[in-house]
């Protein structure tokens, strides 16, 4: 796994209630860190981004890549389902 950094071109989202509901459906434990919470731990806001360029930094050893990824490949790649690959901590525990 690696990181994707988003630069430029972010916009405020018009339908915050729909975005919040969608986000909480996937990440229910994150309700304490939602944007627009006066008692929240962070100052944040909902935004939408439309990527025009992807620069990837990730991996190590023989499984690594640092560089540009063509946008059509990034957008056309299938999602990695948690049921297929799990999460990093779970994989580590299962391998022990």
PDB file of N, CA and C in Angstrom:
ATOM      1  N   UNK A   1       0.844  -1.175   0.000  1.00  0.00           N
ATOM      2  CA  UNK A   1       0.000   0.000   0.000  1.00  0.00           C
ATOM      3  C   UNK A   1       0.882   1.228   0.000  1.00  0.00           C
ATOM      4  N   UNK A   2       0.331   2.304  -0.476  1.00  0.00           N
ATOM      5  CA  UNK A   2       1.047   3.568  -0.508  1.00  0.00           C
ATOM      6  C   UNK A   2       0.095   4.709  -0.230  1.00  0.00           C
ATOM      7  N   UNK A   3       0.569   5.882  -0.460  1.00  0.00           N
ATOM      8  CA  UNK A   3      -0.216   7.080  -0.215  1.00  0.00           C
ATOM      9  C   UNK A   3      -0.463   7.821  -1.512  1.00  0.00           C
ATOM     10  N   UNK A   4      -1.592   8.464  -1.585  1.00  0.00           N
ATOM     11  CA  UNK A   4      -1.911   9.358  -2.688  1.00  0.00           C
ATOM     12  C   UNK A   4      -2.120  10.731  -2.075  1.00  0.00           C
ATOM     13  N   UNK A   5      -1.395  11.714  -2.554  1.00  0.00           N
ATOM     14  CA  UNK A   5      -1.533  13.088  -2.085  1.00  0.00           C
ATOM     15  C   UNK A   5      -2.336  13.870  -3.104  1.00  0.00           C
ATOM     16  N   UNK A   6      -3.304  14.601  -2.628  1.00  0.00           N
ATOM     17  CA  UNK A   6      -4.170  15.377  -3.508  1.00  0.00           C
ATOM     18  C   UNK A   6      -3.725  16.834  -3.468  1.00  0.00           C
ATOM     19  N   UNK A   7      -3.479  17.395  -4.623  1.00  0.00           N
ATOM     20  CA  UNK A   7      -3.095  18.792  -4.732  1.00  0.00           C
ATOM     21  C   UNK A   7      -4.168  19.559  -5.489  1.00  0.00           C
ATOM     22  N   UNK A   8      -4.424  20.764  -5.082  1.00  0.00           N
ATOM     23  CA  UNK A   8      -5.297  21.703  -5.807  1.00  0.00           C
ATOM     24  C   UNK A   8      -6.719  21.193  -6.000  1.00  0.00           C
ATOM     25  N   UNK A   9      -7.490  22.046  -6.584  1.00  0.00           N
ATOM     26  CA  UNK A   9      -8.805  21.741  -7.142  1.00  0.00           C
ATOM     27  C   UNK A   9      -9.765  21.027  -6.188  1.00  0.00           C
ATOM     28  N   UNK A  10      -9.884  21.519  -4.955  1.00  0.00           N
ATOM     29  CA  UNK A  10     -10.912  20.973  -4.070  1.00  0.00           C
ATOM     30  C   UNK A  10     -12.058  21.977  -3.999  1.00  0.00           C
ATOM     31  N   UNK A  11     -13.271  21.469  -3.820  1.00  0.00           N
ATOM     32  CA  UNK A  11     -14.463  22.317  -3.766  1.00  0.00           C
ATOM     33  C   UNK A  11     -15.318  21.889  -2.576  1.00  0.00           C
ATOM     34  N   UNK A  12     -16.006  22.843  -2.008  1.00  0.00           N
ATOM     35  CA  UNK A  12     -16.956  22.501  -0.956  1.00  0.00           C
ATOM     36  C   UNK A  12     -18.094  21.697  -1.571  1.00  0.00           C
ATOM     37  N   UNK A  13     -18.633  20.760  -0.819  1.00  0.00           N
ATOM     38  CA  UNK A  13     -19.706  19.910  -1.342  1.00  0.00           C
ATOM     39  C   UNK A  13     -21.064  20.547  -1.044  1.00  0.00           C
ATOM     40  N   UNK A  14     -22.014  20.430  -1.970  1.00  0.00           N
ATOM     41  CA  UNK A  14     -23.313  21.069  -1.761  1.00  0.00           C
ATOM     42  C   UNK A  14     -24.241  20.303  -0.813  1.00  0.00           C
ATOM     43  N   UNK A  15     -24.207  18.978  -0.801  1.00  0.00           N
ATOM     44  CA  UNK A  15     -25.146  18.185  -0.009  1.00  0.00           C
ATOM     45  C   UNK A  15     -24.410  17.504   1.144  1.00  0.00           C
ATOM     46  N   UNK A  16     -24.124  18.277   2.176  1.00  0.00           N
ATOM     47  CA  UNK A  16     -23.334  17.784   3.303  1.00  0.00           C
ATOM     48  C   UNK A  16     -24.032  16.633   4.021  1.00  0.00           C
ATOM     49  N   UNK A  17     -25.344  16.681   4.170  1.00  0.00           N
ATOM     50  CA  UNK A  17     -26.061  15.616   4.885  1.00  0.00           C
ATOM     51  C   UNK A  17     -25.907  14.267   4.189  1.00  0.00           C
ATOM     52  N   UNK A  18     -25.989  14.247   2.867  1.00  0.00           N
ATOM     53  CA  UNK A  18     -25.829  12.993   2.117  1.00  0.00           C
ATOM     54  C   UNK A  18     -24.400  12.476   2.226  1.00  0.00           C
ATOM     55  N   UNK A  19     -23.429  13.367   2.146  1.00  0.00           N
ATOM     56  CA  UNK A  19     -22.019  12.965   2.263  1.00  0.00           C
ATOM     57  C   UNK A  19     -21.744  12.410   3.656  1.00  0.00           C
ATOM     58  N   UNK A  20     -22.244  13.089   4.687  1.00  0.00           N
ATOM     59  CA  UNK A  20     -22.043  12.636   6.069  1.00  0.00           C
ATOM     60  C   UNK A  20     -22.648  11.242   6.267  1.00  0.00           C
ATOM     61  N   UNK A  21     -23.870  11.027   5.787  1.00  0.00           N
ATOM     62  CA  UNK A  21     -24.538   9.725   5.941  1.00  0.00           C
ATOM     63  C   UNK A  21     -23.764   8.624   5.225  1.00  0.00           C
ATOM     64  N   UNK A  22     -23.298   8.904   4.031  1.00  0.00           N
ATOM     65  CA  UNK A  22     -22.516   7.925   3.267  1.00  0.00           C
ATOM     66  C   UNK A  22     -21.219   7.591   3.999  1.00  0.00           C
ATOM     67  N   UNK A  23     -20.540   8.613   4.498  1.00  0.00           N
ATOM     68  CA  UNK A  23     -19.273   8.418   5.207  1.00  0.00           C
ATOM     69  C   UNK A  23     -19.475   7.593   6.478  1.00  0.00           C
ATOM     70  N   UNK A  24     -20.496   7.927   7.248  1.00  0.00           N
ATOM     71  CA  UNK A  24     -20.739   7.200   8.496  1.00  0.00           C
ATOM     72  C   UNK A  24     -21.196   5.767   8.266  1.00  0.00           C
ATOM     73  N   UNK A  25     -21.833   5.512   7.142  1.00  0.00           N
ATOM     74  CA  UNK A  25     -22.220   4.139   6.821  1.00  0.00           C
ATOM     75  C   UNK A  25     -20.974   3.262   6.679  1.00  0.00           C
ATOM     76  N   UNK A  26     -19.938   3.800   6.068  1.00  0.00           N
ATOM     77  CA  UNK A  26     -18.699   3.046   5.851  1.00  0.00           C
ATOM     78  C   UNK A  26     -17.769   3.121   7.065  1.00  0.00           C
ATOM     79  N   UNK A  27     -17.795   4.248   7.795  1.00  0.00           N
ATOM     80  CA  UNK A  27     -16.874   4.478   8.916  1.00  0.00           C
ATOM     81  C   UNK A  27     -17.646   4.932  10.163  1.00  0.00           C
ATOM     82  N   UNK A  28     -18.464   4.067  10.767  1.00  0.00           N
ATOM     83  CA  UNK A  28     -19.294   4.494  11.900  1.00  0.00           C
ATOM     84  C   UNK A  28     -18.490   4.962  13.112  1.00  0.00           C
ATOM     85  N   UNK A  29     -17.298   4.445  13.311  1.00  0.00           N
ATOM     86  CA  UNK A  29     -16.492   4.857  14.463  1.00  0.00           C
ATOM     87  C   UNK A  29     -15.906   6.255  14.304  1.00  0.00           C
ATOM     88  N   UNK A  30     -16.016   6.831  13.125  1.00  0.00           N
ATOM     89  CA  UNK A  30     -15.433   8.151  12.873  1.00  0.00           C
ATOM     90  C   UNK A  30     -16.391   9.285  13.226  1.00  0.00           C
ATOM     91  N   UNK A  31     -17.525   8.981  13.817  1.00  0.00           N
ATOM     92  CA  UNK A  31     -18.509  10.030  14.100  1.00  0.00           C
ATOM     93  C   UNK A  31     -17.966  11.106  15.044  1.00  0.00           C
ATOM     94  N   UNK A  32     -16.939  10.789  15.816  1.00  0.00           N
ATOM     95  CA  UNK A  32     -16.365  11.755  16.753  1.00  0.00           C
ATOM     96  C   UNK A  32     -15.456  12.764  16.054  1.00  0.00           C
ATOM     97  N   UNK A  33     -15.125  12.523  14.813  1.00  0.00           N
ATOM     98  CA  UNK A  33     -14.180  13.391  14.104  1.00  0.00           C
ATOM     99  C   UNK A  33     -14.791  14.035  12.867  1.00  0.00           C
ATOM    100  N   UNK A  34     -16.083  14.135  12.808  1.00  0.00           N
ATOM    101  CA  UNK A  34     -16.739  14.701  11.634  1.00  0.00           C
ATOM    102  C   UNK A  34     -16.494  16.206  11.536  1.00  0.00           C
ATOM    103  N   UNK A  35     -16.436  16.728  10.315  1.00  0.00           N
ATOM    104  CA  UNK A  35     -16.358  18.185  10.150  1.00  0.00           C
ATOM    105  C   UNK A  35     -17.608  18.866  10.712  1.00  0.00           C
ATOM    106  N   UNK A  36     -17.501  20.151  10.946  1.00  0.00           N
ATOM    107  CA  UNK A  36     -18.607  20.983  11.438  1.00  0.00           C
ATOM    108  C   UNK A  36     -19.045  20.608  12.848  1.00  0.00           C
ATOM    109  N   UNK A  37     -18.152  20.050  13.642  1.00  0.00           N
ATOM    110  CA  UNK A  37     -18.457  19.716  15.029  1.00  0.00           C
ATOM    111  C   UNK A  37     -17.715  20.708  15.918  1.00  0.00           C
ATOM    112  N   UNK A  38     -18.452  21.579  16.592  1.00  0.00           N
ATOM    113  CA  UNK A  38     -17.824  22.601  17.439  1.00  0.00           C
ATOM    114  C   UNK A  38     -17.010  21.994  18.573  1.00  0.00           C
ATOM    115  N   UNK A  39     -17.337  20.769  18.973  1.00  0.00           N
ATOM    116  CA  UNK A  39     -16.601  20.105  20.048  1.00  0.00           C
ATOM    117  C   UNK A  39     -15.587  19.098  19.502  1.00  0.00           C
ATOM    118  N   UNK A  40     -15.438  19.067  18.195  1.00  0.00           N
ATOM    119  CA  UNK A  40     -14.552  18.097  17.562  1.00  0.00           C
ATOM    120  C   UNK A  40     -13.078  18.366  17.842  1.00  0.00           C
ATOM    121  N   UNK A  41     -12.284  17.355  17.593  1.00  0.00           N
ATOM    122  CA  UNK A  41     -10.847  17.437  17.861  1.00  0.00           C
ATOM    123  C   UNK A  41     -10.090  18.216  16.790  1.00  0.00           C
ATOM    124  N   UNK A  42     -10.676  18.373  15.619  1.00  0.00           N
ATOM    125  CA  UNK A  42      -9.965  18.998  14.507  1.00  0.00           C
ATOM    126  C   UNK A  42     -10.859  20.017  13.805  1.00  0.00           C
ATOM    127  N   UNK A  43     -10.221  20.954  13.141  1.00  0.00           N
ATOM    128  CA  UNK A  43     -10.941  21.869  12.261  1.00  0.00           C
ATOM    129  C   UNK A  43     -10.894  21.250  10.876  1.00  0.00           C
ATOM    130  N   UNK A  44     -12.045  20.959  10.320  1.00  0.00           N
ATOM    131  CA  UNK A  44     -12.078  20.301   9.014  1.00  0.00           C
ATOM    132  C   UNK A  44     -13.356  20.686   8.283  1.00  0.00           C
ATOM    133  N   UNK A  45     -13.451  20.276   7.047  1.00  0.00           N
ATOM    134  CA  UNK A  45     -14.631  20.550   6.240  1.00  0.00           C
ATOM    135  C   UNK A  45     -14.775  19.454   5.202  1.00  0.00           C
ATOM    136  N   UNK A  46     -15.992  19.278   4.705  1.00  0.00           N
ATOM    137  CA  UNK A  46     -16.248  18.323   3.636  1.00  0.00           C
ATOM    138  C   UNK A  46     -15.844  18.977   2.328  1.00  0.00           C
ATOM    139  N   UNK A  47     -15.160  18.252   1.487  1.00  0.00           N
ATOM    140  CA  UNK A  47     -14.749  18.790   0.189  1.00  0.00           C
ATOM    141  C   UNK A  47     -14.770  17.683  -0.847  1.00  0.00           C
ATOM    142  N   UNK A  48     -14.859  18.090  -2.081  1.00  0.00           N
ATOM    143  CA  UNK A  48     -14.799  17.155  -3.198  1.00  0.00           C
ATOM    144  C   UNK A  48     -13.560  17.515  -4.004  1.00  0.00           C
ATOM    145  N   UNK A  49     -12.868  16.523  -4.492  1.00  0.00           N
ATOM    146  CA  UNK A  49     -11.736  16.814  -5.361  1.00  0.00           C
ATOM    147  C   UNK A  49     -11.876  16.045  -6.660  1.00  0.00           C
ATOM    148  N   UNK A  50     -11.418  16.664  -7.707  1.00  0.00           N
ATOM    149  CA  UNK A  50     -11.426  16.070  -9.038  1.00  0.00           C
ATOM    150  C   UNK A  50      -9.982  15.955  -9.495  1.00  0.00           C
ATOM    151  N   UNK A  51      -9.354  14.788  -9.311  1.00  0.00           N
ATOM    152  CA  UNK A  51      -7.930  14.663  -9.644  1.00  0.00           C
ATOM    153  C   UNK A  51      -7.676  14.798 -11.141  1.00  0.00           C
ATOM    154  N   UNK A  52      -6.580  15.446 -11.447  1.00  0.00           N
ATOM    155  CA  UNK A  52      -6.126  15.585 -12.827  1.00  0.00           C
ATOM    156  C   UNK A  52      -4.776  14.908 -13.016  1.00  0.00           C
ATOM    157  N   UNK A  53      -4.158  14.530 -11.897  1.00  0.00           N
ATOM    158  CA  UNK A  53      -2.820  13.959 -11.936  1.00  0.00           C
ATOM    159  C   UNK A  53      -2.629  13.123 -10.674  1.00  0.00           C
ATOM    160  N   UNK A  54      -1.954  11.995 -10.765  1.00  0.00           N
ATOM    161  CA  UNK A  54      -1.692  11.144  -9.606  1.00  0.00           C
ATOM    162  C   UNK A  54      -0.195  10.894  -9.519  1.00  0.00           C
ATOM    163  N   UNK A  55       0.386  11.221  -8.353  1.00  0.00           N
ATOM    164  CA  UNK A  55       1.787  10.934  -8.077  1.00  0.00           C
ATOM    165  C   UNK A  55       1.792   9.994  -6.880  1.00  0.00           C
ATOM    166  N   UNK A  56       2.292   8.788  -7.056  1.00  0.00           N
ATOM    167  CA  UNK A  56       2.204   7.724  -6.055  1.00  0.00           C
ATOM    168  C   UNK A  56       3.560   7.513  -5.393  1.00  0.00           C
ATOM    169  N   UNK A  57       3.550   7.382  -4.069  1.00  0.00           N
ATOM    170  CA  UNK A  57       4.749   7.032  -3.308  1.00  0.00           C
ATOM    171  C   UNK A  57       4.363   5.856  -2.432  1.00  0.00           C
ATOM    172  N   UNK A  58       4.946   4.680  -2.671  1.00  0.00           N
ATOM    173  CA  UNK A  58       4.534   3.562  -1.849  1.00  0.00           C
ATOM    174  C   UNK A  58       5.363   2.316  -2.020  1.00  0.00           C
ATOM    175  N   UNK A  59       5.231   1.453  -1.035  1.00  0.00           N
ATOM    176  CA  UNK A  59       5.908   0.165  -1.053  1.00  0.00           C
ATOM    177  C   UNK A  59       7.318   0.246  -0.512  1.00  0.00           C
ATOM    178  N   UNK A  60       7.963  -0.908  -0.519  1.00  0.00           N
ATOM    179  CA  UNK A  60       9.354  -0.992  -0.079  1.00  0.00           C
ATOM    180  C   UNK A  60       9.947  -2.269  -0.643  1.00  0.00           C
ATOM    181  N   UNK A  61      11.254  -2.360  -0.616  1.00  0.00           N
ATOM    182  CA  UNK A  61      11.930  -3.562  -1.115  1.00  0.00           C
ATOM    183  C   UNK A  61      11.636  -3.792  -2.575  1.00  0.00           C
ATOM    184  N   UNK A  62      11.308  -5.027  -2.931  1.00  0.00           N
ATOM    185  CA  UNK A  62      11.027  -5.372  -4.316  1.00  0.00           C
ATOM    186  C   UNK A  62       9.649  -4.937  -4.778  1.00  0.00           C
ATOM    187  N   UNK A  63       8.797  -4.528  -3.849  1.00  0.00           N
ATOM    188  CA  UNK A  63       7.431  -4.109  -4.176  1.00  0.00           C
ATOM    189  C   UNK A  63       7.297  -2.620  -3.911  1.00  0.00           C
ATOM    190  N   UNK A  64       7.819  -1.809  -4.806  1.00  0.00           N
ATOM    191  CA  UNK A  64       7.744  -0.373  -4.586  1.00  0.00           C
ATOM    192  C   UNK A  64       7.546   0.370  -5.900  1.00  0.00           C
ATOM    193  N   UNK A  65       7.043   1.594  -5.784  1.00  0.00           N
ATOM    194  CA  UNK A  65       6.915   2.461  -6.951  1.00  0.00           C
ATOM    195  C   UNK A  65       6.774   3.892  -6.463  1.00  0.00           C
ATOM    196  N   UNK A  66       7.507   4.780  -7.074  1.00  0.00           N
ATOM    197  CA  UNK A  66       7.382   6.210  -6.838  1.00  0.00           C
ATOM    198  C   UNK A  66       7.302   6.858  -8.206  1.00  0.00           C
ATOM    199  N   UNK A  67       6.223   7.551  -8.475  1.00  0.00           N
ATOM    200  CA  UNK A  67       6.111   8.231  -9.755  1.00  0.00           C
ATOM    201  C   UNK A  67       4.681   8.477 -10.178  1.00  0.00           C
ATOM    202  N   UNK A  68       4.541   9.008 -11.376  1.00  0.00           N
ATOM    203  CA  UNK A  68       3.239   9.343 -11.938  1.00  0.00           C
ATOM    204  C   UNK A  68       2.462   8.071 -12.292  1.00  0.00           C
ATOM    205  N   UNK A  69       1.168   8.128 -12.116  1.00  0.00           N
ATOM    206  CA  UNK A  69       0.263   7.083 -12.590  1.00  0.00           C
ATOM    207  C   UNK A  69      -0.708   7.771 -13.543  1.00  0.00           C
ATOM    208  N   UNK A  70      -0.817   7.296 -14.769  1.00  0.00           N
ATOM    209  CA  UNK A  70      -1.760   7.917 -15.699  1.00  0.00           C
ATOM    210  C   UNK A  70      -3.177   7.912 -15.111  1.00  0.00           C
ATOM    211  N   UNK A  71      -3.842   9.033 -15.220  1.00  0.00           N
ATOM    212  CA  UNK A  71      -5.153   9.188 -14.598  1.00  0.00           C
ATOM    213  C   UNK A  71      -6.154   8.141 -15.084  1.00  0.00           C
ATOM    214  N   UNK A  72      -6.120   7.786 -16.356  1.00  0.00           N
ATOM    215  CA  UNK A  72      -7.085   6.796 -16.866  1.00  0.00           C
ATOM    216  C   UNK A  72      -6.861   5.421 -16.228  1.00  0.00           C
ATOM    217  N   UNK A  73      -5.616   5.070 -15.893  1.00  0.00           N
ATOM    218  CA  UNK A  73      -5.355   3.798 -15.208  1.00  0.00           C
ATOM    219  C   UNK A  73      -5.844   3.848 -13.765  1.00  0.00           C
ATOM    220  N   UNK A  74      -5.590   4.965 -13.097  1.00  0.00           N
ATOM    221  CA  UNK A  74      -6.021   5.126 -11.710  1.00  0.00           C
ATOM    222  C   UNK A  74      -7.546   5.064 -11.609  1.00  0.00           C
ATOM    223  N   UNK A  75      -8.233   5.808 -12.469  1.00  0.00           N
ATOM    224  CA  UNK A  75      -9.691   5.847 -12.420  1.00  0.00           C
ATOM    225  C   UNK A  75     -10.318   4.539 -12.891  1.00  0.00           C
ATOM    226  N   UNK A  76      -9.652   3.801 -13.757  1.00  0.00           N
ATOM    227  CA  UNK A  76     -10.207   2.569 -14.295  1.00  0.00           C
ATOM    228  C   UNK A  76      -9.883   1.326 -13.498  1.00  0.00           C
ATOM    229  N   UNK A  77      -9.081   1.459 -12.448  1.00  0.00           N
ATOM    230  CA  UNK A  77      -8.715   0.274 -11.675  1.00  0.00           C
ATOM    231  C   UNK A  77      -9.866  -0.134 -10.758  1.00  0.00           C
ATOM    232  N   UNK A  78     -10.064  -1.437 -10.562  1.00  0.00           N
ATOM    233  CA  UNK A  78     -11.163  -1.896  -9.702  1.00  0.00           C
ATOM    234  C   UNK A  78     -10.837  -1.630  -8.236  1.00  0.00           C
ATOM    235  N   UNK A  79     -11.850  -1.446  -7.411  1.00  0.00           N
ATOM    236  CA  UNK A  79     -11.599  -1.229  -5.984  1.00  0.00           C
ATOM    237  C   UNK A  79     -11.049  -2.494  -5.333  1.00  0.00           C
ATOM    238  N   UNK A  80     -10.242  -2.319  -4.307  1.00  0.00           N
ATOM    239  CA  UNK A  80      -9.738  -3.440  -3.518  1.00  0.00           C
ATOM    240  C   UNK A  80     -10.721  -3.642  -2.374  1.00  0.00           C
ATOM    241  N   UNK A  81     -11.387  -4.760  -2.365  1.00  0.00           N
ATOM    242  CA  UNK A  81     -12.385  -5.029  -1.341  1.00  0.00           C
ATOM    243  C   UNK A  81     -11.722  -5.532  -0.076  1.00  0.00           C
ATOM    244  N   UNK A  82     -12.173  -5.023   1.059  1.00  0.00           N
ATOM    245  CA  UNK A  82     -11.599  -5.434   2.336  1.00  0.00           C
ATOM    246  C   UNK A  82     -11.738  -6.936   2.537  1.00  0.00           C
ATOM    247  N   UNK A  83     -12.823  -7.516   2.041  1.00  0.00           N
ATOM    248  CA  UNK A  83     -13.033  -8.951   2.218  1.00  0.00           C
ATOM    249  C   UNK A  83     -11.982  -9.772   1.468  1.00  0.00           C
ATOM    250  N   UNK A  84     -11.400  -9.196   0.410  1.00  0.00           N
ATOM    251  CA  UNK A  84     -10.380  -9.914  -0.350  1.00  0.00           C
ATOM    252  C   UNK A  84      -8.993  -9.774   0.270  1.00  0.00           C
ATOM    253  N   UNK A  85      -8.690  -8.575   0.778  1.00  0.00           N
ATOM    254  CA  UNK A  85      -7.329  -8.312   1.234  1.00  0.00           C
ATOM    255  C   UNK A  85      -7.231  -7.973   2.714  1.00  0.00           C
ATOM    256  N   UNK A  86      -8.336  -7.681   3.374  1.00  0.00           N
ATOM    257  CA  UNK A  86      -8.302  -7.304   4.775  1.00  0.00           C
ATOM    258  C   UNK A  86      -7.632  -5.962   4.964  1.00  0.00           C
ATOM    259  N   UNK A  87      -7.229  -5.699   6.163  1.00  0.00           N
ATOM    260  CA  UNK A  87      -6.481  -4.483   6.466  1.00  0.00           C
ATOM    261  C   UNK A  87      -5.114  -4.902   6.950  1.00  0.00           C
ATOM    262  N   UNK A  88      -4.170  -3.985   6.952  1.00  0.00           N
ATOM    263  CA  UNK A  88      -2.775  -4.332   7.250  1.00  0.00           C
ATOM    264  C   UNK A  88      -2.625  -5.054   8.584  1.00  0.00           C
ATOM    265  N   UNK A  89      -3.245  -4.557   9.647  1.00  0.00           N
ATOM    266  CA  UNK A  89      -3.111  -5.193  10.948  1.00  0.00           C
ATOM    267  C   UNK A  89      -3.688  -6.594  10.977  1.00  0.00           C
ATOM    268  N   UNK A  90      -4.812  -6.782  10.316  1.00  0.00           N
ATOM    269  CA  UNK A  90      -5.453  -8.095  10.297  1.00  0.00           C
ATOM    270  C   UNK A  90      -4.595  -9.093   9.533  1.00  0.00           C
ATOM    271  N   UNK A  91      -4.021  -8.666   8.426  1.00  0.00           N
ATOM    272  CA  UNK A  91      -3.154  -9.556   7.652  1.00  0.00           C
ATOM    273  C   UNK A  91      -1.952  -9.969   8.488  1.00  0.00           C
ATOM    274  N   UNK A  92      -1.370  -9.020   9.200  1.00  0.00           N
ATOM    275  CA  UNK A  92      -0.210  -9.310  10.037  1.00  0.00           C
ATOM    276  C   UNK A  92      -0.570 -10.336  11.111  1.00  0.00           C
ATOM    277  N   UNK A  93      -1.703 -10.163  11.767  1.00  0.00           N
ATOM    278  CA  UNK A  93      -2.123 -11.093  12.813  1.00  0.00           C
ATOM    279  C   UNK A  93      -2.372 -12.482  12.237  1.00  0.00           C
ATOM    280  N   UNK A  94      -3.019 -12.556  11.078  1.00  0.00           N
ATOM    281  CA  UNK A  94      -3.310 -13.851  10.480  1.00  0.00           C
ATOM    282  C   UNK A  94      -2.034 -14.573  10.054  1.00  0.00           C
ATOM    283  N   UNK A  95      -0.985 -13.839   9.719  1.00  0.00           N
ATOM    284  CA  UNK A  95       0.257 -14.466   9.282  1.00  0.00           C
ATOM    285  C   UNK A  95       1.079 -14.992  10.451  1.00  0.00           C
ATOM    286  N   UNK A  96       0.845 -14.486  11.650  1.00  0.00           N
ATOM    287  CA  UNK A  96       1.603 -14.962  12.810  1.00  0.00           C
ATOM    288  C   UNK A  96       1.170 -16.331  13.133  1.00  0.00           C
TER     289      UNK A  96
END
